[in-house]
Amino acid sequence: MGRILAIDFGRKRTGLAVTDVLRITANPLLTIETKDLINWLTEYFAKEPVDEVVIGHPTQMNGDESESMNYIRPFMGVFKKQFPDKPITMYDERFTSVLAHRAMINMGMKKKDRQDKAVVDKIAACIILEDYLNYKL
């Protein structure tokens, strides 16, 4: 059984999280510059068994898609061409950044560390993945 990888896609930075091989836990992986994402995924998929990819689906409070979809759709097109054997699923990402900040406060992180957007992005990806795992149960 392969891992599930979560992507919190951003125009500049992208947060990544991954399950363990048994798909029990979600773990923050890293934050990468979005321009390097496809190359990084190519290398990661060559080293690690990944059966599924989950990407955050940004929606507004009324359920309409966020403006960010203008950047996510083209990425998904490239992803599907580059990795036709990897299913990619969109999953609601509302409030993940807020929840990531709350989690950092609960972990006792200092204010300066909580302002590091790279940390927020990978924790947000982890929250997307945790929610997705709970949804699949």
C-alpha atoms as a PDB file:
ATOM      1  CA  MET A   1       0.000   0.000   0.000  1.00  0.00           C
ATOM      2  CA  GLY A   2       1.359   3.400  -0.951  1.00  0.00           C
ATOM      3  CA  ARG A   3       1.178   6.695   0.831  1.00  0.00           C
ATOM      4  CA  ILE A   4      -1.275   9.529   0.283  1.00  0.00           C
ATOM      5  CA  LEU A   5       0.329  12.904  -0.411  1.00  0.00           C
ATOM      6  CA  ALA A   6      -1.463  16.196   0.286  1.00  0.00           C
ATOM      7  CA  ILE A   7      -0.768  19.482  -1.477  1.00  0.00           C
ATOM      8  CA  ASP A   8      -1.682  22.925  -0.135  1.00  0.00           C
ATOM      9  CA  PHE A   9      -1.049  24.724  -3.424  1.00  0.00           C
ATOM     10  CA  GLY A  10      -0.033  28.373  -3.439  1.00  0.00           C
ATOM     11  CA  ARG A  11       1.177  30.762  -6.110  1.00  0.00           C
ATOM     12  CA  LYS A  12       4.595  31.138  -4.478  1.00  0.00           C
ATOM     13  CA  ARG A  13       4.862  28.302  -1.956  1.00  0.00           C
ATOM     14  CA  THR A  14       3.243  24.908  -1.655  1.00  0.00           C
ATOM     15  CA  GLY A  15       2.876  22.939   1.550  1.00  0.00           C
ATOM     16  CA  LEU A  16       3.133  19.156   1.451  1.00  0.00           C
ATOM     17  CA  ALA A  17       2.099  16.447   3.874  1.00  0.00           C
ATOM     18  CA  VAL A  18       2.160  12.669   3.611  1.00  0.00           C
ATOM     19  CA  THR A  19       0.727   9.644   5.363  1.00  0.00           C
ATOM     20  CA  ASP A  20       2.759   6.815   6.777  1.00  0.00           C
ATOM     21  CA  VAL A  21       2.758   3.654   4.632  1.00  0.00           C
ATOM     22  CA  LEU A  22      -0.217   2.244   6.555  1.00  0.00           C
ATOM     23  CA  ARG A  23      -2.174   5.485   6.001  1.00  0.00           C
ATOM     24  CA  ILE A  24      -2.831   5.917   9.704  1.00  0.00           C
ATOM     25  CA  THR A  25      -1.140   9.244  10.386  1.00  0.00           C
ATOM     26  CA  ALA A  26      -0.675  12.450   8.433  1.00  0.00           C
ATOM     27  CA  ASN A  27       2.663  14.209   8.804  1.00  0.00           C
ATOM     28  CA  PRO A  28       3.827  17.620   7.577  1.00  0.00           C
ATOM     29  CA  LEU A  29       6.542  17.067   4.997  1.00  0.00           C
ATOM     30  CA  LEU A  30       7.901  20.372   3.712  1.00  0.00           C
ATOM     31  CA  THR A  31       7.120  23.625   1.974  1.00  0.00           C
ATOM     32  CA  ILE A  32       8.554  24.101  -1.490  1.00  0.00           C
ATOM     33  CA  GLU A  33       8.575  26.895  -4.026  1.00  0.00           C
ATOM     34  CA  THR A  34       5.675  26.191  -6.357  1.00  0.00           C
ATOM     35  CA  LYS A  35       7.842  26.599  -9.456  1.00  0.00           C
ATOM     36  CA  ASP A  36       9.854  23.544  -8.293  1.00  0.00           C
ATOM     37  CA  LEU A  37       6.871  21.374  -7.390  1.00  0.00           C
ATOM     38  CA  ILE A  38       6.614  19.128 -10.476  1.00  0.00           C
ATOM     39  CA  ASN A  39      10.355  18.351 -10.377  1.00  0.00           C
ATOM     40  CA  TRP A  40      10.185  17.607  -6.661  1.00  0.00           C
ATOM     41  CA  LEU A  41       7.153  15.332  -7.151  1.00  0.00           C
ATOM     42  CA  THR A  42       8.968  13.443  -9.918  1.00  0.00           C
ATOM     43  CA  GLU A  43      11.879  12.723  -7.574  1.00  0.00           C
ATOM     44  CA  TYR A  44       9.626  11.892  -4.620  1.00  0.00           C
ATOM     45  CA  PHE A  45       7.432   9.481  -6.613  1.00  0.00           C
ATOM     46  CA  ALA A  46      10.588   7.705  -7.808  1.00  0.00           C
ATOM     47  CA  LYS A  47      11.646   7.095  -4.181  1.00  0.00           C
ATOM     48  CA  GLU A  48       8.356   6.622  -2.329  1.00  0.00           C
ATOM     49  CA  PRO A  49       5.229   4.633  -3.188  1.00  0.00           C
ATOM     50  CA  VAL A  50       2.372   7.150  -3.464  1.00  0.00           C
ATOM     51  CA  ASP A  51      -1.021   5.811  -4.513  1.00  0.00           C
ATOM     52  CA  GLU A  52      -3.053   8.993  -4.284  1.00  0.00           C
ATOM     53  CA  VAL A  53      -2.613  12.749  -4.177  1.00  0.00           C
ATOM     54  CA  VAL A  54      -5.025  15.134  -2.454  1.00  0.00           C
ATOM     55  CA  ILE A  55      -4.974  18.818  -3.326  1.00  0.00           C
ATOM     56  CA  GLY A  56      -6.721  21.523  -1.357  1.00  0.00           C
ATOM     57  CA  HIS A  57      -9.853  22.861  -3.043  1.00  0.00           C
ATOM     58  CA  PRO A  58     -10.138  26.519  -2.066  1.00  0.00           C
ATOM     59  CA  THR A  59     -13.735  27.625  -1.681  1.00  0.00           C
ATOM     60  CA  GLN A  60     -15.354  30.701  -0.257  1.00  0.00           C
ATOM     61  CA  MET A  61     -17.824  30.668   2.618  1.00  0.00           C
ATOM     62  CA  ASN A  62     -20.771  30.547   0.202  1.00  0.00           C
ATOM     63  CA  GLY A  63     -19.314  27.471  -1.511  1.00  0.00           C
ATOM     64  CA  ASP A  64     -18.083  29.258  -4.639  1.00  0.00           C
ATOM     65  CA  GLU A  65     -14.576  28.463  -5.796  1.00  0.00           C
ATOM     66  CA  SER A  66     -11.829  30.834  -4.745  1.00  0.00           C
ATOM     67  CA  GLU A  67      -9.803  32.886  -7.191  1.00  0.00           C
ATOM     68  CA  SER A  68      -6.904  30.516  -6.437  1.00  0.00           C
ATOM     69  CA  MET A  69      -8.512  27.933  -8.701  1.00  0.00           C
ATOM     70  CA  ASN A  70      -7.172  30.007 -11.627  1.00  0.00           C
ATOM     71  CA  TYR A  71      -3.706  28.715 -10.610  1.00  0.00           C
ATOM     72  CA  ILE A  72      -4.669  25.267  -9.363  1.00  0.00           C
ATOM     73  CA  ARG A  73      -6.479  24.130 -12.523  1.00  0.00           C
ATOM     74  CA  PRO A  74      -3.432  24.622 -14.779  1.00  0.00           C
ATOM     75  CA  PHE A  75      -1.245  22.820 -12.228  1.00  0.00           C
ATOM     76  CA  MET A  76      -3.673  19.899 -12.151  1.00  0.00           C
ATOM     77  CA  GLY A  77      -3.537  19.700 -15.957  1.00  0.00           C
ATOM     78  CA  VAL A  78       0.260  19.502 -15.872  1.00  0.00           C
ATOM     79  CA  PHE A  79       0.101  16.986 -13.008  1.00  0.00           C
ATOM     80  CA  LYS A  80      -2.273  14.681 -14.902  1.00  0.00           C
ATOM     81  CA  LYS A  81      -0.049  14.765 -18.008  1.00  0.00           C
ATOM     82  CA  GLN A  82       3.143  14.203 -16.027  1.00  0.00           C
ATOM     83  CA  PHE A  83       1.727  11.531 -13.697  1.00  0.00           C
ATOM     84  CA  PRO A  84      -1.189   9.835 -15.497  1.00  0.00           C
ATOM     85  CA  ASP A  85      -1.080   6.861 -13.111  1.00  0.00           C
ATOM     86  CA  LYS A  86      -1.520   9.019  -9.969  1.00  0.00           C
ATOM     87  CA  PRO A  87      -5.105   9.857  -9.064  1.00  0.00           C
ATOM     88  CA  ILE A  88      -5.490  13.414  -7.791  1.00  0.00           C
ATOM     89  CA  THR A  89      -8.483  14.363  -5.658  1.00  0.00           C
ATOM     90  CA  MET A  90      -9.626  17.841  -4.679  1.00  0.00           C
ATOM     91  CA  TYR A  91     -10.646  18.229  -1.040  1.00  0.00           C
ATOM     92  CA  ASP A  92     -12.124  21.250   0.744  1.00  0.00           C
ATOM     93  CA  GLU A  93      -9.445  23.356   2.385  1.00  0.00           C
ATOM     94  CA  ARG A  94     -11.568  26.014   4.077  1.00  0.00           C
ATOM     95  CA  PHE A  95     -10.136  27.210   7.381  1.00  0.00           C
ATOM     96  CA  THR A  96      -6.942  25.142   7.103  1.00  0.00           C
ATOM     97  CA  SER A  97      -4.692  28.188   7.541  1.00  0.00           C
ATOM     98  CA  VAL A  98      -6.685  29.299  10.592  1.00  0.00           C
ATOM     99  CA  LEU A  99      -6.515  25.778  12.020  1.00  0.00           C
ATOM    100  CA  ALA A 100      -2.779  25.654  11.290  1.00  0.00           C
ATOM    101  CA  HIS A 101      -2.235  28.865  13.273  1.00  0.00           C
ATOM    102  CA  ARG A 102      -4.307  27.467  16.138  1.00  0.00           C
ATOM    103  CA  ALA A 103      -2.313  24.246  16.107  1.00  0.00           C
ATOM    104  CA  MET A 104       0.943  26.199  16.288  1.00  0.00           C
ATOM    105  CA  ILE A 105      -0.351  28.167  19.275  1.00  0.00           C
ATOM    106  CA  ASN A 106      -1.439  24.940  20.967  1.00  0.00           C
ATOM    107  CA  MET A 107       2.039  23.479  20.329  1.00  0.00           C
ATOM    108  CA  GLY A 108       3.521  26.464  22.162  1.00  0.00           C
ATOM    109  CA  MET A 109       5.305  27.967  19.170  1.00  0.00           C
ATOM    110  CA  LYS A 110       6.612  31.481  19.655  1.00  0.00           C
ATOM    111  CA  LYS A 111       4.890  34.307  17.802  1.00  0.00           C
ATOM    112  CA  LYS A 112       7.893  34.836  15.530  1.00  0.00           C
ATOM    113  CA  ASP A 113       7.882  31.162  14.509  1.00  0.00           C
ATOM    114  CA  ARG A 114       4.125  31.267  13.848  1.00  0.00           C
ATOM    115  CA  GLN A 115       4.685  34.058  11.333  1.00  0.00           C
ATOM    116  CA  ASP A 116       6.758  31.746   9.123  1.00  0.00           C
ATOM    117  CA  LYS A 117       4.358  31.115   6.241  1.00  0.00           C
ATOM    118  CA  ALA A 118       6.305  28.052   5.121  1.00  0.00           C
ATOM    119  CA  VAL A 119       5.480  26.357   8.424  1.00  0.00           C
ATOM    120  CA  VAL A 120       1.816  27.367   8.098  1.00  0.00           C
ATOM    121  CA  ASP A 121       1.662  25.898   4.577  1.00  0.00           C
ATOM    122  CA  LYS A 122       2.952  22.457   5.504  1.00  0.00           C
ATOM    123  CA  ILE A 123       0.749  22.298   8.605  1.00  0.00           C
ATOM    124  CA  ALA A 124      -2.236  23.338   6.456  1.00  0.00           C
ATOM    125  CA  ALA A 125      -1.388  20.481   4.054  1.00  0.00           C
ATOM    126  CA  CYS A 126      -1.313  18.131   7.031  1.00  0.00           C
ATOM    127  CA  ILE A 127      -4.754  19.331   8.155  1.00  0.00           C
ATOM    128  CA  ILE A 128      -6.140  18.773   4.641  1.00  0.00           C
ATOM    129  CA  LEU A 129      -4.722  15.249   4.719  1.00  0.00           C
ATOM    130  CA  GLU A 130      -6.052  14.488   8.224  1.00  0.00           C
ATOM    131  CA  ASP A 131      -9.522  15.680   7.217  1.00  0.00           C
ATOM    132  CA  TYR A 132      -9.363  13.609   4.037  1.00  0.00           C
ATOM    133  CA  LEU A 133      -8.335  10.483   5.970  1.00  0.00           C
ATOM    134  CA  ASN A 134     -11.224  10.998   8.407  1.00  0.00           C
ATOM    135  CA  TYR A 135     -13.608  11.502   5.484  1.00  0.00           C
ATOM    136  CA  LYS A 136     -12.506   8.213   3.907  1.00  0.00           C
ATOM    137  CA  LEU A 137     -13.098   6.217   7.113  1.00  0.00           C
END
